[in-house]
Protein backbone atom coordinates (compact mmCIF):
# COMPACT_ATOMS: atom_id res chain seq x y z
CA UNK A 1 -43.35 88.76 71.40
CA UNK A 2 -46.34 88.22 69.13
CA UNK A 3 -47.74 91.30 67.43
CA UNK A 4 -47.42 94.96 68.41
CA UNK A 5 -48.53 94.93 72.04
CA UNK A 6 -45.93 97.03 73.86
CA UNK A 7 -48.21 100.05 74.29
CA UNK A 8 -50.81 97.99 76.17
CA UNK A 9 -48.15 96.70 78.54
CA UNK A 10 -46.85 100.24 79.07
CA UNK A 11 -50.36 101.39 79.89
CA UNK A 12 -50.64 98.61 82.47
CA UNK A 13 -47.28 99.56 84.00
CA UNK A 14 -48.35 103.18 84.48
CA UNK A 15 -51.62 102.05 86.05
CA UNK A 16 -49.82 99.81 88.52
CA UNK A 17 -47.14 102.39 89.33
CA UNK A 18 -49.42 105.35 89.90
CA UNK A 19 -52.79 103.83 90.72
CA UNK A 20 -54.90 105.48 88.02
CA UNK A 21 -55.36 105.48 84.28
CA UNK A 22 -52.83 107.65 82.47
CA UNK A 23 -54.80 110.11 80.28
CA UNK A 24 -52.46 109.67 77.32
CA UNK A 25 -52.41 107.83 74.03
CA UNK A 26 -49.22 105.82 74.12
CA UNK A 27 -47.26 105.16 70.93
CA UNK A 28 -44.64 102.48 71.59
CA UNK A 29 -41.40 101.65 69.80
CA UNK A 30 -42.98 98.58 68.16
CA UNK A 31 -45.69 100.65 66.47
CA UNK A 32 -48.45 99.71 68.90
CA UNK A 33 -50.88 102.28 70.30
CA UNK A 34 -53.02 102.26 73.44
CA UNK A 35 -55.15 104.80 75.26
CA UNK A 36 -58.00 107.19 74.50
CA UNK A 37 -57.96 108.56 70.96
CA UNK A 38 -58.63 112.12 72.13
CA UNK A 39 -55.80 112.08 74.73
CA UNK A 40 -52.40 113.72 74.22
CA UNK A 41 -50.03 111.51 72.26
CA UNK A 42 -46.91 110.37 74.13
CA UNK A 43 -44.29 108.48 72.14
CA UNK A 44 -42.07 106.01 74.01
CA UNK A 45 -39.04 105.44 71.81
CA UNK A 46 -37.09 102.81 73.72
CA UNK A 47 -37.03 100.24 76.49
CA UNK A 48 -34.60 102.46 78.35
CA UNK A 49 -37.46 104.84 79.21
CA UNK A 50 -39.30 101.95 80.87
CA UNK A 51 -36.19 100.94 82.78
CA UNK A 52 -35.74 104.51 84.03
CA UNK A 53 -39.29 104.62 85.31
CA UNK A 54 -39.05 101.24 87.01
CA UNK A 55 -35.92 102.34 88.85
CA UNK A 56 -37.26 105.82 89.55
CA UNK A 57 -41.11 105.79 89.47
CA UNK A 58 -41.58 109.48 90.11
CA UNK A 59 -41.31 112.95 88.61
CA UNK A 60 -37.54 112.73 88.23
CA UNK A 61 -37.72 109.39 86.40
CA UNK A 62 -40.17 110.81 83.86
CA UNK A 63 -38.11 113.98 83.49
CA UNK A 64 -34.94 111.99 82.83
CA UNK A 65 -36.66 110.02 80.08
CA UNK A 66 -37.98 113.24 78.53
CA UNK A 67 -34.61 115.04 78.67
CA UNK A 68 -32.91 111.99 77.15
CA UNK A 69 -35.40 111.99 74.25
CA UNK A 70 -36.69 108.54 75.18
CA UNK A 71 -40.22 109.86 75.50
CA UNK A 72 -41.76 112.65 73.47
CA UNK A 73 -45.02 114.58 73.55
CA UNK A 74 -46.76 115.42 70.29
CA UNK A 75 -47.88 119.00 69.76
CA UNK A 76 -47.51 122.01 72.11
CA UNK A 77 -46.18 120.84 75.45
CA UNK A 78 -48.47 123.11 77.46
CA UNK A 79 -51.56 121.58 75.86
CA UNK A 80 -50.39 118.11 76.80
CA UNK A 81 -49.35 119.04 80.33
CA UNK A 82 -52.67 120.76 81.00
CA UNK A 83 -54.48 117.54 80.09
CA UNK A 84 -52.03 115.52 82.18
CA UNK A 85 -52.16 117.76 85.27
CA UNK A 86 -54.51 115.57 87.37
CA UNK A 87 -52.37 112.52 86.62
CA UNK A 88 -49.18 114.48 87.24
CA UNK A 89 -50.24 115.41 90.76
CA UNK A 90 -50.33 111.71 91.62
CA UNK A 91 -46.65 111.24 90.88
CA UNK A 92 -45.25 113.94 93.11
CA UNK A 93 -43.78 111.25 95.36
CA UNK A 94 -42.73 107.68 94.89
CA UNK A 95 -45.66 105.26 95.16
CA UNK A 96 -45.86 102.58 97.80
CA UNK A 97 -45.83 99.30 95.87
CA UNK A 98 -47.10 96.04 97.23
CA UNK A 99 -45.29 92.73 96.73
CA UNK A 100 -47.89 91.83 94.11
CA UNK A 101 -47.26 95.12 92.30
CA UNK A 102 -43.53 94.48 92.24
CA UNK A 103 -44.02 90.96 90.94
CA UNK A 104 -46.27 92.11 88.10
CA UNK A 105 -43.94 94.97 87.23
CA UNK A 106 -40.99 92.60 87.06
CA UNK A 107 -42.96 90.26 84.82
CA UNK A 108 -43.85 93.16 82.51
CA UNK A 109 -40.26 94.40 82.48
CA UNK A 110 -38.99 90.95 81.47
CA UNK A 111 -41.63 90.75 78.75
CA UNK A 112 -40.62 94.16 77.38
CA UNK A 113 -36.90 93.49 77.61
CA UNK A 114 -36.51 96.38 80.05
CA UNK A 115 -34.72 94.52 82.84
CA UNK A 116 -31.26 95.85 83.67
CA UNK A 117 -29.27 98.25 85.82
CA UNK A 118 -30.49 101.78 86.39
CA UNK A 119 -29.64 103.94 83.35
CA UNK A 120 -27.23 106.77 83.93
CA UNK A 121 -28.92 110.15 84.22
CA UNK A 122 -28.72 112.33 81.09
CA UNK A 123 -25.55 114.40 80.88
CA UNK A 124 -27.63 117.57 81.37
CA UNK A 125 -28.40 116.57 84.96
CA UNK A 126 -26.50 118.56 87.57
CA UNK A 127 -23.88 116.34 89.20
CA UNK A 128 -23.25 116.01 92.90
CA UNK A 129 -20.10 118.14 92.66
CA UNK A 130 -21.90 120.86 90.68
CA UNK A 131 -24.74 120.82 93.19
CA UNK A 132 -22.36 121.16 96.14
CA UNK A 133 -20.67 124.10 94.42
CA UNK A 134 -24.05 125.74 93.74
CA UNK A 135 -25.09 125.28 97.36
CA UNK A 136 -21.81 126.69 98.70
CA UNK A 137 -22.81 130.34 98.55
CA UNK A 138 -19.51 131.36 100.17
CA UNK A 139 -17.76 130.42 96.91
CA UNK A 140 -20.60 130.75 94.37
CA UNK A 141 -22.12 134.21 93.95
CA UNK A 142 -25.61 132.84 93.29
CA UNK A 143 -27.68 129.75 93.83
CA UNK A 144 -27.02 128.17 90.45
CA UNK A 145 -24.03 127.87 88.11
CA UNK A 146 -23.76 129.67 84.79
CA UNK A 147 -26.27 128.32 82.31
CA UNK A 148 -24.40 126.62 79.46
CA UNK A 149 -26.97 127.21 76.71
CA UNK A 150 -25.54 130.59 75.72
CA UNK A 151 -26.90 134.02 74.93
CA UNK A 152 -28.02 133.22 71.37
CA UNK A 153 -30.28 130.47 72.65
CA UNK A 154 -31.72 132.61 75.42
CA UNK A 155 -32.30 135.59 73.15
CA UNK A 156 -34.61 133.41 71.06
CA UNK A 157 -36.51 132.44 74.20
CA UNK A 158 -36.62 135.73 76.12
CA UNK A 159 -37.06 138.00 73.11
CA UNK A 160 -35.39 141.25 72.12
CA UNK A 161 -35.17 142.62 75.65
CA UNK A 162 -33.24 139.61 77.03
CA UNK A 163 -35.17 140.13 80.24
CA UNK A 164 -35.15 137.18 82.64
CA UNK A 165 -38.20 138.35 84.55
CA UNK A 166 -41.90 138.85 84.16
CA UNK A 167 -43.42 141.23 81.67
CA UNK A 168 -46.28 143.51 82.67
CA UNK A 169 -49.28 142.70 80.48
CA UNK A 170 -51.12 145.98 80.99
CA UNK A 171 -52.98 146.09 77.67
CA UNK A 172 -54.73 143.48 75.51
CA UNK A 173 -52.80 142.43 72.45
CA UNK A 174 -49.37 143.23 73.87
CA UNK A 175 -46.39 141.34 72.50
CA UNK A 176 -43.80 139.82 74.83
CA UNK A 177 -41.34 142.62 74.09
CA UNK A 178 -44.04 145.25 74.72
CA UNK A 179 -44.91 143.61 78.06
CA UNK A 180 -41.25 143.46 79.08
CA UNK A 181 -40.73 147.14 78.28
CA UNK A 182 -43.89 147.96 80.23
CA UNK A 183 -42.48 146.01 83.19
CA UNK A 184 -39.19 147.89 83.00
CA UNK A 185 -40.98 151.22 82.96
CA UNK A 186 -43.20 150.20 85.89
CA UNK A 187 -40.06 149.35 87.88
CA UNK A 188 -38.55 152.73 87.07
CA UNK A 189 -41.69 154.53 88.25
CA UNK A 190 -41.83 152.55 91.49
CA UNK A 191 -38.19 153.36 92.17
CA UNK A 192 -38.82 157.07 91.54
CA UNK A 193 -36.51 157.18 88.52
CA UNK A 194 -39.12 158.28 85.98
CA UNK A 195 -40.67 161.70 85.48
CA UNK A 196 -38.06 163.51 87.55
CA UNK A 197 -37.37 167.19 86.92
CA UNK A 198 -34.21 167.73 84.90
CA UNK A 199 -32.28 169.00 87.91
CA UNK A 200 -33.10 165.81 89.88
CA UNK A 201 -32.15 163.30 87.20
CA UNK A 202 -28.99 161.22 87.38
CA UNK A 203 -29.83 158.81 90.21
CA UNK A 204 -27.29 156.08 91.03
CA UNK A 205 -28.70 152.55 90.77
CA UNK A 206 -27.41 149.13 91.79
CA UNK A 207 -28.77 146.10 89.90
CA UNK A 208 -28.10 142.88 91.81
CA UNK A 209 -28.06 139.71 89.71
CA UNK A 210 -28.40 141.95 86.67
CA UNK A 211 -28.51 139.30 83.94
CA UNK A 212 -27.75 140.92 80.59
CA UNK A 213 -28.13 144.41 82.03
CA UNK A 214 -31.56 145.08 80.58
CA UNK A 215 -33.01 147.05 83.49
CA UNK A 216 -29.98 149.27 84.05
CA UNK A 217 -29.64 149.96 80.32
CA UNK A 218 -33.33 150.90 80.09
CA UNK A 219 -33.11 153.20 83.10
CA UNK A 220 -29.91 154.85 81.81
CA UNK A 221 -31.33 155.42 78.34
CA UNK A 222 -34.76 156.72 79.38
CA UNK A 223 -34.12 158.29 82.78
CA UNK A 224 -30.46 159.36 82.75
CA UNK A 225 -29.40 157.13 85.64
CA UNK A 226 -25.91 155.81 86.22
CA UNK A 227 -25.03 152.68 88.09
CA UNK A 228 -23.55 149.25 88.58
CA UNK A 229 -24.85 145.82 87.63
CA UNK A 230 -23.40 142.68 89.24
CA UNK A 231 -23.80 139.09 88.12
CA UNK A 232 -22.25 135.68 88.76
CA UNK A 233 -21.92 135.02 85.01
CA UNK A 234 -18.87 136.20 83.09
CA UNK A 235 -20.79 135.80 79.82
CA UNK A 236 -23.63 137.99 81.09
CA UNK A 237 -21.23 140.69 82.28
CA UNK A 238 -19.44 140.66 78.92
CA UNK A 239 -22.66 140.81 76.91
CA UNK A 240 -24.14 143.55 79.13
CA UNK A 241 -20.99 145.63 78.71
CA UNK A 242 -21.16 145.20 74.94
CA UNK A 243 -24.80 146.28 74.94
CA UNK A 244 -23.84 149.38 76.93
CA UNK A 245 -21.11 150.26 74.44
CA UNK A 246 -23.46 149.73 71.49
CA UNK A 247 -26.08 151.97 73.13
CA UNK A 248 -23.54 154.73 73.90
CA UNK A 249 -24.00 154.22 77.64
CA UNK A 250 -20.60 152.81 78.58
CA UNK A 251 -19.66 155.93 80.53
CA UNK A 252 -22.76 155.76 82.69
CA UNK A 253 -23.20 152.09 83.56
CA UNK A 254 -20.78 149.35 84.54
CA UNK A 255 -21.26 145.59 84.65
CA UNK A 256 -18.99 143.20 86.49
CA UNK A 257 -18.76 139.70 87.92
CA UNK A 258 -19.15 140.23 91.63
CA UNK A 259 -20.80 138.99 94.78
CA UNK A 260 -23.13 141.22 96.81
CA UNK A 261 -20.56 141.21 99.60
CA UNK A 262 -17.92 142.62 97.25
CA UNK A 263 -19.71 145.87 96.39
CA UNK A 264 -17.84 148.79 97.92
CA UNK A 265 -19.42 152.06 96.93
CA UNK A 266 -21.20 155.11 98.27
CA UNK A 267 -24.86 154.40 99.02
CA UNK A 268 -27.14 154.15 95.99
CA UNK A 269 -30.38 156.03 95.35
CA UNK A 270 -32.11 152.85 94.24
CA UNK A 271 -31.48 149.10 94.12
CA UNK A 272 -33.26 146.45 92.09
CA UNK A 273 -32.97 142.78 93.09
CA UNK A 274 -34.48 139.91 91.11
CA UNK A 275 -34.93 136.91 93.36
CA UNK A 276 -33.89 138.01 96.83
CA UNK A 277 -34.20 134.70 98.69
CA UNK A 278 -33.05 132.30 95.99
CA UNK A 279 -29.99 134.48 95.33
CA UNK A 280 -28.43 133.74 98.71
CA UNK A 281 -30.58 131.09 100.40
CA UNK A 282 -32.84 131.32 103.40
CA UNK A 283 -30.04 131.06 105.96
CA UNK A 284 -28.28 134.19 104.69
CA UNK A 285 -31.29 136.25 103.68
CA UNK A 286 -31.08 138.40 106.80
CA UNK A 287 -27.41 139.13 106.16
CA UNK A 288 -28.19 139.95 102.55
CA UNK A 289 -31.04 142.31 103.48
CA UNK A 290 -28.72 144.03 105.94
CA UNK A 291 -26.11 144.51 103.23
CA UNK A 292 -28.69 146.06 100.92
CA UNK A 293 -29.73 148.38 103.76
CA UNK A 294 -26.13 149.56 104.00
CA UNK A 295 -25.89 150.09 100.23
CA UNK A 296 -29.04 152.24 100.12
CA UNK A 297 -29.06 155.89 101.13
CA UNK A 298 -31.71 157.09 103.60
CA UNK A 299 -34.88 157.62 101.59
CA UNK A 300 -33.59 155.30 98.86
CA UNK A 301 -35.83 152.63 97.37
CA UNK A 302 -35.35 148.91 96.81
CA UNK A 303 -37.46 146.90 94.35
CA UNK A 304 -37.57 143.16 94.97
CA UNK A 305 -38.98 140.64 92.51
CA UNK A 306 -39.50 137.37 94.35
CA UNK A 307 -41.02 134.00 93.53
CA UNK A 308 -42.52 132.38 96.61
CA UNK A 309 -44.31 129.23 97.56
CA UNK A 310 -47.89 129.12 98.72
CA UNK A 311 -48.88 126.70 101.45
CA UNK A 312 -46.77 123.95 102.92
CA UNK A 313 -43.10 123.32 102.01
CA UNK A 314 -42.55 121.23 98.92
CA UNK A 315 -41.66 117.54 99.25
CA UNK A 316 -38.03 116.77 100.05
CA UNK A 317 -37.76 114.11 97.33
CA UNK A 318 -35.32 115.28 94.67
CA UNK A 319 -37.25 116.99 91.89
CA UNK A 320 -36.73 117.89 88.26
CA UNK A 321 -36.00 121.51 89.20
CA UNK A 322 -33.40 120.51 91.77
CA UNK A 323 -31.73 118.06 89.39
CA UNK A 324 -31.68 120.18 86.25
CA UNK A 325 -32.34 123.86 86.91
CA UNK A 326 -31.95 125.33 90.41
CA UNK A 327 -30.11 122.99 92.78
CA UNK A 328 -31.03 123.76 96.33
CA UNK A 329 -33.23 126.73 95.42
CA UNK A 330 -35.52 127.70 98.29
CA UNK A 331 -39.00 129.04 97.76
CA UNK A 332 -40.07 130.89 100.90
CA UNK A 333 -43.52 132.24 101.75
CA UNK A 334 -43.69 135.94 101.00
CA UNK A 335 -44.51 136.63 104.65
CA UNK A 336 -41.13 135.20 105.65
CA UNK A 337 -39.33 137.35 103.08
CA UNK A 338 -41.06 140.57 104.14
CA UNK A 339 -40.37 139.89 107.82
CA UNK A 340 -36.66 139.41 107.17
CA UNK A 341 -36.53 142.58 105.07
CA UNK A 342 -38.23 144.59 107.82
CA UNK A 343 -35.96 143.13 110.51
CA UNK A 344 -33.00 144.57 108.58
CA UNK A 345 -34.31 148.11 109.15
CA UNK A 346 -36.00 148.46 105.77
CA UNK A 347 -39.72 149.19 105.36
CA UNK A 348 -41.99 147.35 102.89
CA UNK A 349 -44.28 150.00 101.37
CA UNK A 350 -46.04 148.14 98.57
CA UNK A 351 -46.58 144.55 97.47
CA UNK A 352 -48.02 143.59 94.10
CA UNK A 353 -48.80 140.01 93.13
CA UNK A 354 -47.48 139.30 89.62
CA UNK A 355 -48.60 135.68 89.35
CA UNK A 356 -50.75 136.01 86.22
CA UNK A 357 -48.19 138.26 84.55
CA UNK A 358 -45.46 135.69 85.18
CA UNK A 359 -47.60 132.82 83.86
CA UNK A 360 -48.32 134.71 80.65
CA UNK A 361 -44.65 135.59 80.25
CA UNK A 362 -43.68 131.94 80.66
CA UNK A 363 -46.24 130.90 78.05
CA UNK A 364 -44.70 133.40 75.64
CA UNK A 365 -41.23 131.98 76.33
CA UNK A 366 -42.50 128.44 75.69
CA UNK A 367 -44.01 129.56 72.38
CA UNK A 368 -40.72 131.23 71.40
CA UNK A 369 -38.74 128.09 72.18
CA UNK A 370 -41.13 125.77 70.35
CA UNK A 371 -41.21 128.15 67.38
CA UNK A 372 -37.41 128.12 67.08
CA UNK A 373 -36.91 124.54 68.25
CA UNK A 374 -34.49 123.30 65.59
CA UNK A 375 -32.27 126.36 65.91
CA UNK A 376 -32.27 126.27 69.71
CA UNK A 377 -31.52 122.54 69.80
CA UNK A 378 -28.50 123.16 67.55
CA UNK A 379 -27.25 126.10 69.59
CA UNK A 380 -27.40 124.22 72.89
CA UNK A 381 -28.18 120.53 72.53
CA UNK A 382 -31.47 118.68 72.17
CA UNK A 383 -31.25 117.62 75.82
CA UNK A 384 -30.63 121.13 77.15
CA UNK A 385 -33.41 122.50 74.97
CA UNK A 386 -35.76 119.88 76.46
CA UNK A 387 -34.70 120.91 79.99
CA UNK A 388 -35.63 124.50 79.24
CA UNK A 389 -38.89 123.55 77.54
CA UNK A 390 -40.02 121.39 80.45
CA UNK A 391 -38.88 123.96 83.03
CA UNK A 392 -40.73 126.85 81.42
CA UNK A 393 -43.88 124.81 80.82
CA UNK A 394 -44.24 123.33 84.30
CA UNK A 395 -43.46 126.73 85.81
CA UNK A 396 -46.24 128.38 83.78
CA UNK A 397 -48.74 125.80 84.97
CA UNK A 398 -47.56 126.10 88.58
CA UNK A 399 -48.22 129.85 88.52
CA UNK A 400 -51.60 129.38 86.86
CA UNK A 401 -52.63 126.80 89.46
CA UNK A 402 -51.48 129.14 92.29
CA UNK A 403 -49.05 126.55 93.63
CA UNK A 404 -46.39 129.25 93.51
CA UNK A 405 -46.65 132.99 93.05
CA UNK A 406 -44.52 136.00 92.12
CA UNK A 407 -44.38 139.26 94.02
CA UNK A 408 -42.96 142.71 93.49
CA UNK A 409 -42.10 144.53 96.71
CA UNK A 410 -41.30 148.21 96.94
CA UNK A 411 -39.07 148.80 99.95
CA UNK A 412 -37.58 151.98 101.39
CA UNK A 413 -34.80 152.79 103.83
CA UNK A 414 -36.45 155.39 106.07
CA UNK A 415 -34.61 158.44 107.34
CA UNK A 416 -33.70 158.36 111.03
CA UNK A 417 -36.77 160.45 111.81
CA UNK A 418 -39.01 157.99 109.96
CA UNK A 419 -39.54 159.97 106.76
CA UNK A 420 -39.84 157.79 103.66
CA UNK A 421 -40.60 160.56 101.14
CA UNK A 422 -42.75 158.31 98.97
CA UNK A 423 -45.88 159.42 97.10
CA UNK A 424 -49.05 159.21 99.17
CA UNK A 425 -50.77 156.86 96.71
CA UNK A 426 -49.94 154.26 94.08
CA UNK A 427 -51.11 156.59 91.33
CA UNK A 428 -47.51 157.82 91.00
CA UNK A 429 -46.59 154.62 89.19
CA UNK A 430 -50.01 153.72 87.72
CA UNK A 431 -49.94 155.80 84.55
């Protein structure tokens, strides 16, 4: 191979695979560079990345190379992905290659020394057995297995509140932690837990898929509630319990590893559920909504935070999210979710779109991860840190582009005579 020419060949490969010029400046392993000088810099460190893409010329092939560290993006990942968005939309599905395309690609692969069997997926990819376990919701309490990165890693990403959910960016100049606390307080007001007279305080609350217990701890500290938080993660239950002890709330709140079908208790005054549909899957959503109906007293309120798709179902081709983050997760239209909730006997009283709030929260998480990159890569692994970085970044852009959205639904179980006993206007929680 005479002279540093690999980058030019890589540029040609991308053009032939995807049918348009890649808006990147490629830096190849031989020191060669090709592409517009003002474009985001993408570094291709090895032939293995080329071999991955030839075997899997789609989103998953690129993601595997990124997770493996075989390709790297210079600078903030969101800046690069924003510039690459038009190109990225062209690789949502495998391209149809002609015989001439295949011949030229093979010639380029031989020239680059990239011919060989398909590389094994990075070890961070969810295996077939793990995916089957995650999809078997009769044995797995939620739609995805415990995340192996650990609480220390996630506390650097999610901030002091350890809140795996959107903040509420109500004021300019808010920090992530301020926005998360504002979101917690908004939830308490919607559920009728805030501003109660002293004699009416002490509501009982169930937090389904409670994470590290942030909501229940906030409500107990500020509004004197008691309650139960359930999670599929033993580490989350342990950490939430420790946080309760440290806050002097251990006698008021309990956290345990449990499935929604295992909760046996008197009806609760309020329930909060983060991710109703993806927690159980579309097929069991009606059963789940019926169970929540039974766990809620008449007049009790349910707050649902739900990510939903907009438009047509996503392509069936296996994606980065399915392979690395949420195997088998189902994004339903919000209309489907509300219909199933109503069919269970509950009444949807308010729906707020949180799309922009979620996008801004994700951007803050990306900034946190990039700002503590070396520490996070040590605490988890470089590959797992890259999975999280890519996941958070592409999710932020998906919300901003309105390909997906996030909703907060306030639901009530009416009394038998139809009374809901809710405030007449939204002003009750808009202060």
